[in-house]
């Protein structure tokens, strides 16, 4: 049987590691606020973490790449850190004229 708590703890720890943030799951586990909004990572760090996480999930869940990617998207939606270097000029207003 898959220990989902163990997987989440591992991924949160790795996410902080990839973002170079000196925090661990144990540091944030009892926080009731939106702690994941307090920290950021770059797009490059996020991409590297996603590559790692999908491979990890594929192995741990013994599933396909597609399913592992879907599981990662749920993880990222719930606990993913904000991206700090998104281009602020990219917006949907550019698409209005099309």
PDB file of N, CA and C in Angstrom:
ATOM      1  N   UNK A   1       0.834  -1.190   0.000  1.00  0.00           N
ATOM      2  CA  UNK A   1       0.000   0.000   0.000  1.00  0.00           C
ATOM      3  C   UNK A   1       0.876   1.249   0.000  1.00  0.00           C
ATOM      4  N   UNK A   2       0.442   2.256  -0.701  1.00  0.00           N
ATOM      5  CA  UNK A   2       1.185   3.500  -0.853  1.00  0.00           C
ATOM      6  C   UNK A   2       0.924   4.406   0.356  1.00  0.00           C
ATOM      7  N   UNK A   3       1.994   4.912   0.943  1.00  0.00           N
ATOM      8  CA  UNK A   3       1.888   5.837   2.074  1.00  0.00           C
ATOM      9  C   UNK A   3       1.900   7.263   1.520  1.00  0.00           C
ATOM     10  N   UNK A   4       0.704   7.811   1.287  1.00  0.00           N
ATOM     11  CA  UNK A   4       0.596   9.131   0.661  1.00  0.00           C
ATOM     12  C   UNK A   4       1.175  10.235   1.537  1.00  0.00           C
ATOM     13  N   UNK A   5       1.061  10.100   2.857  1.00  0.00           N
ATOM     14  CA  UNK A   5       1.641  11.110   3.745  1.00  0.00           C
ATOM     15  C   UNK A   5       3.157  11.166   3.585  1.00  0.00           C
ATOM     16  N   UNK A   6       3.776   9.997   3.468  1.00  0.00           N
ATOM     17  CA  UNK A   6       5.226   9.929   3.278  1.00  0.00           C
ATOM     18  C   UNK A   6       5.622  10.602   1.967  1.00  0.00           C
ATOM     19  N   UNK A   7       4.844  10.381   0.926  1.00  0.00           N
ATOM     20  CA  UNK A   7       5.120  10.972  -0.386  1.00  0.00           C
ATOM     21  C   UNK A   7       4.998  12.494  -0.321  1.00  0.00           C
ATOM     22  N   UNK A   8       3.941  12.993   0.307  1.00  0.00           N
ATOM     23  CA  UNK A   8       3.737  14.439   0.415  1.00  0.00           C
ATOM     24  C   UNK A   8       4.868  15.073   1.225  1.00  0.00           C
ATOM     25  N   UNK A   9       5.226  14.470   2.345  1.00  0.00           N
ATOM     26  CA  UNK A   9       6.321  14.996   3.165  1.00  0.00           C
ATOM     27  C   UNK A   9       7.620  15.061   2.355  1.00  0.00           C
ATOM     28  N   UNK A  10       7.906  13.986   1.643  1.00  0.00           N
ATOM     29  CA  UNK A  10       9.123  13.941   0.838  1.00  0.00           C
ATOM     30  C   UNK A  10       9.108  15.038  -0.225  1.00  0.00           C
ATOM     31  N   UNK A  11       7.987  15.193  -0.915  1.00  0.00           N
ATOM     32  CA  UNK A  11       7.919  16.191  -1.985  1.00  0.00           C
ATOM     33  C   UNK A  11       8.007  17.616  -1.441  1.00  0.00           C
ATOM     34  N   UNK A  12       7.399  17.880  -0.300  1.00  0.00           N
ATOM     35  CA  UNK A  12       7.507  19.216   0.286  1.00  0.00           C
ATOM     36  C   UNK A  12       8.955  19.503   0.668  1.00  0.00           C
ATOM     37  N   UNK A  13       9.613  18.529   1.274  1.00  0.00           N
ATOM     38  CA  UNK A  13      11.026  18.713   1.622  1.00  0.00           C
ATOM     39  C   UNK A  13      11.876  18.961   0.378  1.00  0.00           C
ATOM     40  N   UNK A  14      11.634  18.191  -0.682  1.00  0.00           N
ATOM     41  CA  UNK A  14      12.389  18.366  -1.929  1.00  0.00           C
ATOM     42  C   UNK A  14      12.078  19.710  -2.586  1.00  0.00           C
ATOM     43  N   UNK A  15      10.821  20.146  -2.507  1.00  0.00           N
ATOM     44  CA  UNK A  15      10.441  21.432  -3.090  1.00  0.00           C
ATOM     45  C   UNK A  15      11.232  22.555  -2.413  1.00  0.00           C
ATOM     46  N   UNK A  16      11.315  22.514  -1.082  1.00  0.00           N
ATOM     47  CA  UNK A  16      12.111  23.514  -0.373  1.00  0.00           C
ATOM     48  C   UNK A  16      13.589  23.414  -0.763  1.00  0.00           C
ATOM     49  N   UNK A  17      14.066  22.209  -0.925  1.00  0.00           N
ATOM     50  CA  UNK A  17      15.462  22.005  -1.317  1.00  0.00           C
ATOM     51  C   UNK A  17      15.737  22.608  -2.696  1.00  0.00           C
ATOM     52  N   UNK A  18      14.864  22.332  -3.658  1.00  0.00           N
ATOM     53  CA  UNK A  18      15.038  22.883  -5.005  1.00  0.00           C
ATOM     54  C   UNK A  18      14.946  24.404  -5.014  1.00  0.00           C
ATOM     55  N   UNK A  19      14.134  24.969  -4.097  1.00  0.00           N
ATOM     56  CA  UNK A  19      13.961  26.418  -4.025  1.00  0.00           C
ATOM     57  C   UNK A  19      15.016  27.093  -3.147  1.00  0.00           C
ATOM     58  N   UNK A  20      15.933  26.308  -2.579  1.00  0.00           N
ATOM     59  CA  UNK A  20      16.977  26.831  -1.692  1.00  0.00           C
ATOM     60  C   UNK A  20      16.378  27.574  -0.495  1.00  0.00           C
ATOM     61  N   UNK A  21      15.342  26.983   0.085  1.00  0.00           N
ATOM     62  CA  UNK A  21      14.674  27.552   1.255  1.00  0.00           C
ATOM     63  C   UNK A  21      14.979  26.656   2.450  1.00  0.00           C
ATOM     64  N   UNK A  22      15.527  27.228   3.527  1.00  0.00           N
ATOM     65  CA  UNK A  22      15.907  26.414   4.686  1.00  0.00           C
ATOM     66  C   UNK A  22      14.707  26.046   5.562  1.00  0.00           C
ATOM     67  N   UNK A  23      13.763  25.347   4.982  1.00  0.00           N
ATOM     68  CA  UNK A  23      12.574  24.881   5.692  1.00  0.00           C
ATOM     69  C   UNK A  23      12.406  23.397   5.404  1.00  0.00           C
ATOM     70  N   UNK A  24      11.620  22.741   6.235  1.00  0.00           N
ATOM     71  CA  UNK A  24      11.267  21.343   6.008  1.00  0.00           C
ATOM     72  C   UNK A  24       9.780  21.171   6.281  1.00  0.00           C
ATOM     73  N   UNK A  25       9.296  20.009   5.969  1.00  0.00           N
ATOM     74  CA  UNK A  25       7.904  19.688   6.273  1.00  0.00           C
ATOM     75  C   UNK A  25       7.617  19.892   7.756  1.00  0.00           C
ATOM     76  N   UNK A  26       8.541  19.467   8.611  1.00  0.00           N
ATOM     77  CA  UNK A  26       8.345  19.593  10.060  1.00  0.00           C
ATOM     78  C   UNK A  26       8.219  21.049  10.504  1.00  0.00           C
ATOM     79  N   UNK A  27       8.847  21.968   9.768  1.00  0.00           N
ATOM     80  CA  UNK A  27       8.756  23.392  10.105  1.00  0.00           C
ATOM     81  C   UNK A  27       7.375  23.967   9.811  1.00  0.00           C
ATOM     82  N   UNK A  28       6.690  23.426   8.824  1.00  0.00           N
ATOM     83  CA  UNK A  28       5.420  24.023   8.389  1.00  0.00           C
ATOM     84  C   UNK A  28       4.198  23.159   8.689  1.00  0.00           C
ATOM     85  N   UNK A  29       4.382  21.949   9.159  1.00  0.00           N
ATOM     86  CA  UNK A  29       3.261  21.009   9.283  1.00  0.00           C
ATOM     87  C   UNK A  29       2.147  21.472  10.204  1.00  0.00           C
ATOM     88  N   UNK A  30       2.462  22.256  11.238  1.00  0.00           N
ATOM     89  CA  UNK A  30       1.432  22.696  12.181  1.00  0.00           C
ATOM     90  C   UNK A  30       0.914  24.098  11.888  1.00  0.00           C
ATOM     91  N   UNK A  31       1.415  24.714  10.831  1.00  0.00           N
ATOM     92  CA  UNK A  31       0.958  26.054  10.493  1.00  0.00           C
ATOM     93  C   UNK A  31      -0.433  25.998   9.903  1.00  0.00           C
ATOM     94  N   UNK A  32      -1.282  26.931  10.305  1.00  0.00           N
ATOM     95  CA  UNK A  32      -2.666  26.978   9.826  1.00  0.00           C
ATOM     96  C   UNK A  32      -2.857  28.035   8.737  1.00  0.00           C
ATOM     97  N   UNK A  33      -1.821  28.825   8.475  1.00  0.00           N
ATOM     98  CA  UNK A  33      -1.913  29.862   7.459  1.00  0.00           C
ATOM     99  C   UNK A  33      -1.537  29.294   6.083  1.00  0.00           C
ATOM    100  N   UNK A  34      -1.564  30.135   5.088  1.00  0.00           N
ATOM    101  CA  UNK A  34      -1.187  29.740   3.728  1.00  0.00           C
ATOM    102  C   UNK A  34       0.327  29.865   3.574  1.00  0.00           C
ATOM    103  N   UNK A  35       1.072  29.000   4.236  1.00  0.00           N
ATOM    104  CA  UNK A  35       2.538  29.064   4.271  1.00  0.00           C
ATOM    105  C   UNK A  35       3.154  29.015   2.881  1.00  0.00           C
ATOM    106  N   UNK A  36       2.515  28.306   1.969  1.00  0.00           N
ATOM    107  CA  UNK A  36       3.059  28.140   0.613  1.00  0.00           C
ATOM    108  C   UNK A  36       3.049  29.442  -0.172  1.00  0.00           C
ATOM    109  N   UNK A  37       2.316  30.439   0.289  1.00  0.00           N
ATOM    110  CA  UNK A  37       2.317  31.747  -0.360  1.00  0.00           C
ATOM    111  C   UNK A  37       3.461  32.630   0.144  1.00  0.00           C
ATOM    112  N   UNK A  38       4.051  32.248   1.259  1.00  0.00           N
ATOM    113  CA  UNK A  38       5.130  33.017   1.868  1.00  0.00           C
ATOM    114  C   UNK A  38       6.453  32.832   1.125  1.00  0.00           C
ATOM    115  N   UNK A  39       6.631  31.694   0.480  1.00  0.00           N
ATOM    116  CA  UNK A  39       7.895  31.356  -0.162  1.00  0.00           C
ATOM    117  C   UNK A  39       7.730  31.336  -1.681  1.00  0.00           C
ATOM    118  N   UNK A  40       8.835  31.570  -2.382  1.00  0.00           N
ATOM    119  CA  UNK A  40       8.787  31.545  -3.842  1.00  0.00           C
ATOM    120  C   UNK A  40       9.945  30.713  -4.390  1.00  0.00           C
ATOM    121  N   UNK A  41       9.814  30.353  -5.649  1.00  0.00           N
ATOM    122  CA  UNK A  41      10.896  29.699  -6.376  1.00  0.00           C
ATOM    123  C   UNK A  41      10.872  30.238  -7.798  1.00  0.00           C
ATOM    124  N   UNK A  42      11.997  30.130  -8.483  1.00  0.00           N
ATOM    125  CA  UNK A  42      12.055  30.607  -9.862  1.00  0.00           C
ATOM    126  C   UNK A  42      11.392  29.582 -10.787  1.00  0.00           C
ATOM    127  N   UNK A  43      11.120  30.009 -12.001  1.00  0.00           N
ATOM    128  CA  UNK A  43      10.539  29.087 -12.985  1.00  0.00           C
ATOM    129  C   UNK A  43      11.503  27.940 -13.259  1.00  0.00           C
ATOM    130  N   UNK A  44      12.791  28.233 -13.327  1.00  0.00           N
ATOM    131  CA  UNK A  44      13.793  27.193 -13.560  1.00  0.00           C
ATOM    132  C   UNK A  44      13.804  26.179 -12.415  1.00  0.00           C
ATOM    133  N   UNK A  45      13.737  26.664 -11.176  1.00  0.00           N
ATOM    134  CA  UNK A  45      13.682  25.762 -10.018  1.00  0.00           C
ATOM    135  C   UNK A  45      12.409  24.928 -10.055  1.00  0.00           C
ATOM    136  N   UNK A  46      11.310  25.559 -10.415  1.00  0.00           N
ATOM    137  CA  UNK A  46      10.026  24.860 -10.494  1.00  0.00           C
ATOM    138  C   UNK A  46      10.064  23.754 -11.545  1.00  0.00           C
ATOM    139  N   UNK A  47      10.643  24.055 -12.704  1.00  0.00           N
ATOM    140  CA  UNK A  47      10.742  23.050 -13.769  1.00  0.00           C
ATOM    141  C   UNK A  47      11.603  21.871 -13.335  1.00  0.00           C
ATOM    142  N   UNK A  48      12.726  22.157 -12.674  1.00  0.00           N
ATOM    143  CA  UNK A  48      13.618  21.096 -12.203  1.00  0.00           C
ATOM    144  C   UNK A  48      12.919  20.246 -11.142  1.00  0.00           C
ATOM    145  N   UNK A  49      12.199  20.901 -10.236  1.00  0.00           N
ATOM    146  CA  UNK A  49      11.473  20.170  -9.198  1.00  0.00           C
ATOM    147  C   UNK A  49      10.376  19.299  -9.823  1.00  0.00           C
ATOM    148  N   UNK A  50       9.668  19.833 -10.802  1.00  0.00           N
ATOM    149  CA  UNK A  50       8.608  19.054 -11.452  1.00  0.00           C
ATOM    150  C   UNK A  50       9.203  17.807 -12.105  1.00  0.00           C
ATOM    151  N   UNK A  51      10.318  17.954 -12.794  1.00  0.00           N
ATOM    152  CA  UNK A  51      10.960  16.794 -13.417  1.00  0.00           C
ATOM    153  C   UNK A  51      11.276  15.731 -12.374  1.00  0.00           C
ATOM    154  N   UNK A  52      11.859  16.178 -11.257  1.00  0.00           N
ATOM    155  CA  UNK A  52      12.177  15.232 -10.178  1.00  0.00           C
ATOM    156  C   UNK A  52      10.898  14.596  -9.625  1.00  0.00           C
ATOM    157  N   UNK A  53       9.906  15.440  -9.319  1.00  0.00           N
ATOM    158  CA  UNK A  53       8.695  14.965  -8.646  1.00  0.00           C
ATOM    159  C   UNK A  53       7.917  13.964  -9.495  1.00  0.00           C
ATOM    160  N   UNK A  54       7.805  14.215 -10.777  1.00  0.00           N
ATOM    161  CA  UNK A  54       7.061  13.296 -11.645  1.00  0.00           C
ATOM    162  C   UNK A  54       7.766  11.936 -11.709  1.00  0.00           C
ATOM    163  N   UNK A  55       9.096  11.955 -11.831  1.00  0.00           N
ATOM    164  CA  UNK A  55       9.845  10.686 -11.826  1.00  0.00           C
ATOM    165  C   UNK A  55       9.669   9.956 -10.490  1.00  0.00           C
ATOM    166  N   UNK A  56       9.729  10.713  -9.386  1.00  0.00           N
ATOM    167  CA  UNK A  56       9.549  10.133  -8.047  1.00  0.00           C
ATOM    168  C   UNK A  56       8.151   9.530  -7.905  1.00  0.00           C
ATOM    169  N   UNK A  57       7.136  10.266  -8.321  1.00  0.00           N
ATOM    170  CA  UNK A  57       5.756   9.774  -8.215  1.00  0.00           C
ATOM    171  C   UNK A  57       5.539   8.549  -9.093  1.00  0.00           C
ATOM    172  N   UNK A  58       6.114   8.561 -10.282  1.00  0.00           N
ATOM    173  CA  UNK A  58       5.989   7.416 -11.187  1.00  0.00           C
ATOM    174  C   UNK A  58       6.543   6.159 -10.524  1.00  0.00           C
ATOM    175  N   UNK A  59       7.689   6.309  -9.878  1.00  0.00           N
ATOM    176  CA  UNK A  59       8.327   5.168  -9.212  1.00  0.00           C
ATOM    177  C   UNK A  59       7.543   4.734  -7.967  1.00  0.00           C
ATOM    178  N   UNK A  60       7.194   5.686  -7.115  1.00  0.00           N
ATOM    179  CA  UNK A  60       6.530   5.361  -5.845  1.00  0.00           C
ATOM    180  C   UNK A  60       5.112   4.828  -6.048  1.00  0.00           C
ATOM    181  N   UNK A  61       4.411   5.397  -7.013  1.00  0.00           N
ATOM    182  CA  UNK A  61       3.024   4.976  -7.262  1.00  0.00           C
ATOM    183  C   UNK A  61       2.939   3.831  -8.263  1.00  0.00           C
ATOM    184  N   UNK A  62       4.090   3.479  -8.842  1.00  0.00           N
ATOM    185  CA  UNK A  62       4.143   2.412  -9.848  1.00  0.00           C
ATOM    186  C   UNK A  62       3.066   2.644 -10.920  1.00  0.00           C
ATOM    187  N   UNK A  63       3.183   3.799 -11.567  1.00  0.00           N
ATOM    188  CA  UNK A  63       2.170   4.223 -12.516  1.00  0.00           C
ATOM    189  C   UNK A  63       2.820   4.820 -13.764  1.00  0.00           C
ATOM    190  N   UNK A  64       2.003   5.255 -14.674  1.00  0.00           N
ATOM    191  CA  UNK A  64       2.495   5.843 -15.923  1.00  0.00           C
ATOM    192  C   UNK A  64       2.959   7.282 -15.700  1.00  0.00           C
ATOM    193  N   UNK A  65       3.689   7.781 -16.684  1.00  0.00           N
ATOM    194  CA  UNK A  65       4.131   9.174 -16.636  1.00  0.00           C
ATOM    195  C   UNK A  65       2.924  10.104 -16.569  1.00  0.00           C
ATOM    196  N   UNK A  66       1.900   9.836 -17.376  1.00  0.00           N
ATOM    197  CA  UNK A  66       0.712  10.686 -17.421  1.00  0.00           C
ATOM    198  C   UNK A  66       0.041  10.771 -16.054  1.00  0.00           C
ATOM    199  N   UNK A  67      -0.141   9.637 -15.404  1.00  0.00           N
ATOM    200  CA  UNK A  67      -0.778   9.618 -14.082  1.00  0.00           C
ATOM    201  C   UNK A  67       0.104  10.334 -13.058  1.00  0.00           C
ATOM    202  N   UNK A  68       1.415  10.107 -13.108  1.00  0.00           N
ATOM    203  CA  UNK A  68       2.337  10.775 -12.185  1.00  0.00           C
ATOM    204  C   UNK A  68       2.299  12.288 -12.400  1.00  0.00           C
ATOM    205  N   UNK A  69       2.230  12.727 -13.657  1.00  0.00           N
ATOM    206  CA  UNK A  69       2.150  14.153 -13.956  1.00  0.00           C
ATOM    207  C   UNK A  69       0.849  14.742 -13.417  1.00  0.00           C
ATOM    208  N   UNK A  70      -0.236  14.021 -13.553  1.00  0.00           N
ATOM    209  CA  UNK A  70      -1.527  14.475 -13.021  1.00  0.00           C
ATOM    210  C   UNK A  70      -1.470  14.589 -11.504  1.00  0.00           C
ATOM    211  N   UNK A  71      -0.868  13.612 -10.844  1.00  0.00           N
ATOM    212  CA  UNK A  71      -0.710  13.663  -9.384  1.00  0.00           C
ATOM    213  C   UNK A  71       0.149  14.854  -8.980  1.00  0.00           C
ATOM    214  N   UNK A  72       1.210  15.125  -9.752  1.00  0.00           N
ATOM    215  CA  UNK A  72       2.050  16.283  -9.454  1.00  0.00           C
ATOM    216  C   UNK A  72       1.251  17.570  -9.576  1.00  0.00           C
ATOM    217  N   UNK A  73       0.415  17.673 -10.591  1.00  0.00           N
ATOM    218  CA  UNK A  73      -0.385  18.887 -10.767  1.00  0.00           C
ATOM    219  C   UNK A  73      -1.289  19.132  -9.559  1.00  0.00           C
ATOM    220  N   UNK A  74      -1.850  18.064  -8.992  1.00  0.00           N
ATOM    221  CA  UNK A  74      -2.663  18.203  -7.769  1.00  0.00           C
ATOM    222  C   UNK A  74      -1.788  18.663  -6.612  1.00  0.00           C
ATOM    223  N   UNK A  75      -0.605  18.063  -6.469  1.00  0.00           N
ATOM    224  CA  UNK A  75       0.323  18.472  -5.418  1.00  0.00           C
ATOM    225  C   UNK A  75       0.670  19.950  -5.567  1.00  0.00           C
ATOM    226  N   UNK A  76       1.014  20.359  -6.784  1.00  0.00           N
ATOM    227  CA  UNK A  76       1.411  21.737  -7.041  1.00  0.00           C
ATOM    228  C   UNK A  76       0.268  22.706  -6.763  1.00  0.00           C
ATOM    229  N   UNK A  77      -0.933  22.314  -7.097  1.00  0.00           N
ATOM    230  CA  UNK A  77      -2.101  23.158  -6.839  1.00  0.00           C
ATOM    231  C   UNK A  77      -2.309  23.353  -5.339  1.00  0.00           C
ATOM    232  N   UNK A  78      -2.108  22.302  -4.570  1.00  0.00           N
ATOM    233  CA  UNK A  78      -2.353  22.366  -3.130  1.00  0.00           C
ATOM    234  C   UNK A  78      -1.202  22.972  -2.344  1.00  0.00           C
ATOM    235  N   UNK A  79       0.045  22.658  -2.706  1.00  0.00           N
ATOM    236  CA  UNK A  79       1.191  23.061  -1.893  1.00  0.00           C
ATOM    237  C   UNK A  79       2.302  23.743  -2.668  1.00  0.00           C
ATOM    238  N   UNK A  80       2.139  23.927  -3.951  1.00  0.00           N
ATOM    239  CA  UNK A  80       3.212  24.501  -4.759  1.00  0.00           C
ATOM    240  C   UNK A  80       3.534  25.939  -4.396  1.00  0.00           C
ATOM    241  N   UNK A  81       4.804  26.278  -4.473  1.00  0.00           N
ATOM    242  CA  UNK A  81       5.249  27.635  -4.167  1.00  0.00           C
ATOM    243  C   UNK A  81       4.982  28.557  -5.345  1.00  0.00           C
ATOM    244  N   UNK A  82       4.842  29.847  -5.048  1.00  0.00           N
ATOM    245  CA  UNK A  82       4.657  30.837  -6.102  1.00  0.00           C
ATOM    246  C   UNK A  82       5.930  30.932  -6.937  1.00  0.00           C
ATOM    247  N   UNK A  83       5.754  31.280  -8.200  1.00  0.00           N
ATOM    248  CA  UNK A  83       6.890  31.489  -9.102  1.00  0.00           C
ATOM    249  C   UNK A  83       7.261  32.972  -9.029  1.00  0.00           C
ATOM    250  N   UNK A  84       8.520  33.246  -8.715  1.00  0.00           N
ATOM    251  CA  UNK A  84       8.941  34.621  -8.457  1.00  0.00           C
ATOM    252  C   UNK A  84       9.335  35.401  -9.697  1.00  0.00           C
ATOM    253  N   UNK A  85       9.666  34.724 -10.777  1.00  0.00           N
ATOM    254  CA  UNK A  85      10.198  35.444 -11.937  1.00  0.00           C
ATOM    255  C   UNK A  85       9.319  35.358 -13.179  1.00  0.00           C
ATOM    256  N   UNK A  86       8.020  35.243 -12.979  1.00  0.00           N
ATOM    257  CA  UNK A  86       7.121  35.266 -14.133  1.00  0.00           C
ATOM    258  C   UNK A  86       7.160  36.655 -14.750  1.00  0.00           C
ATOM    259  N   UNK A  87       7.115  36.709 -16.042  1.00  0.00           N
ATOM    260  CA  UNK A  87       7.142  37.994 -16.743  1.00  0.00           C
ATOM    261  C   UNK A  87       5.830  38.719 -16.465  1.00  0.00           C
ATOM    262  N   UNK A  88       5.923  39.835 -15.792  1.00  0.00           N
ATOM    263  CA  UNK A  88       4.725  40.599 -15.414  1.00  0.00           C
ATOM    264  C   UNK A  88       4.025  41.211 -16.628  1.00  0.00           C
ATOM    265  N   UNK A  89       4.704  41.284 -17.764  1.00  0.00           N
ATOM    266  CA  UNK A  89       4.105  41.866 -18.960  1.00  0.00           C
ATOM    267  C   UNK A  89       3.223  40.868 -19.706  1.00  0.00           C
ATOM    268  N   UNK A  90       3.354  39.599 -19.395  1.00  0.00           N
ATOM    269  CA  UNK A  90       2.516  38.597 -20.040  1.00  0.00           C
ATOM    270  C   UNK A  90       1.137  38.644 -19.396  1.00  0.00           C
ATOM    271  N   UNK A  91       0.150  38.935 -20.195  1.00  0.00           N
ATOM    272  CA  UNK A  91      -1.214  38.936 -19.666  1.00  0.00           C
ATOM    273  C   UNK A  91      -2.186  38.619 -20.787  1.00  0.00           C
ATOM    274  N   UNK A  92      -3.421  38.478 -20.425  1.00  0.00           N
ATOM    275  CA  UNK A  92      -4.428  38.082 -21.400  1.00  0.00           C
ATOM    276  C   UNK A  92      -4.955  39.260 -22.206  1.00  0.00           C
ATOM    277  N   UNK A  93      -4.607  40.496 -21.845  1.00  0.00           N
ATOM    278  CA  UNK A  93      -5.078  41.654 -22.603  1.00  0.00           C
ATOM    279  C   UNK A  93      -4.556  41.599 -24.034  1.00  0.00           C
ATOM    280  N   UNK A  94      -3.375  41.022 -24.230  1.00  0.00           N
ATOM    281  CA  UNK A  94      -2.797  40.915 -25.567  1.00  0.00           C
ATOM    282  C   UNK A  94      -3.667  40.058 -26.493  1.00  0.00           C
ATOM    283  N   UNK A  95      -4.464  39.172 -25.914  1.00  0.00           N
ATOM    284  CA  UNK A  95      -5.278  38.268 -26.701  1.00  0.00           C
ATOM    285  C   UNK A  95      -6.646  38.858 -27.047  1.00  0.00           C
ATOM    286  N   UNK A  96      -7.012  39.972 -26.436  1.00  0.00           N
ATOM    287  CA  UNK A  96      -8.349  40.520 -26.646  1.00  0.00           C
ATOM    288  C   UNK A  96      -8.612  40.941 -28.085  1.00  0.00           C
ATOM    289  N   UNK A  97      -7.600  41.424 -28.790  1.00  0.00           N
ATOM    290  CA  UNK A  97      -7.778  41.898 -30.148  1.00  0.00           C
ATOM    291  C   UNK A  97      -7.884  40.777 -31.163  1.00  0.00           C
ATOM    292  N   UNK A  98      -7.583  39.551 -30.761  1.00  0.00           N
ATOM    293  CA  UNK A  98      -7.584  38.433 -31.719  1.00  0.00           C
ATOM    294  C   UNK A  98      -8.950  37.835 -31.877  1.00  0.00           C
TER     295      UNK A  98
END
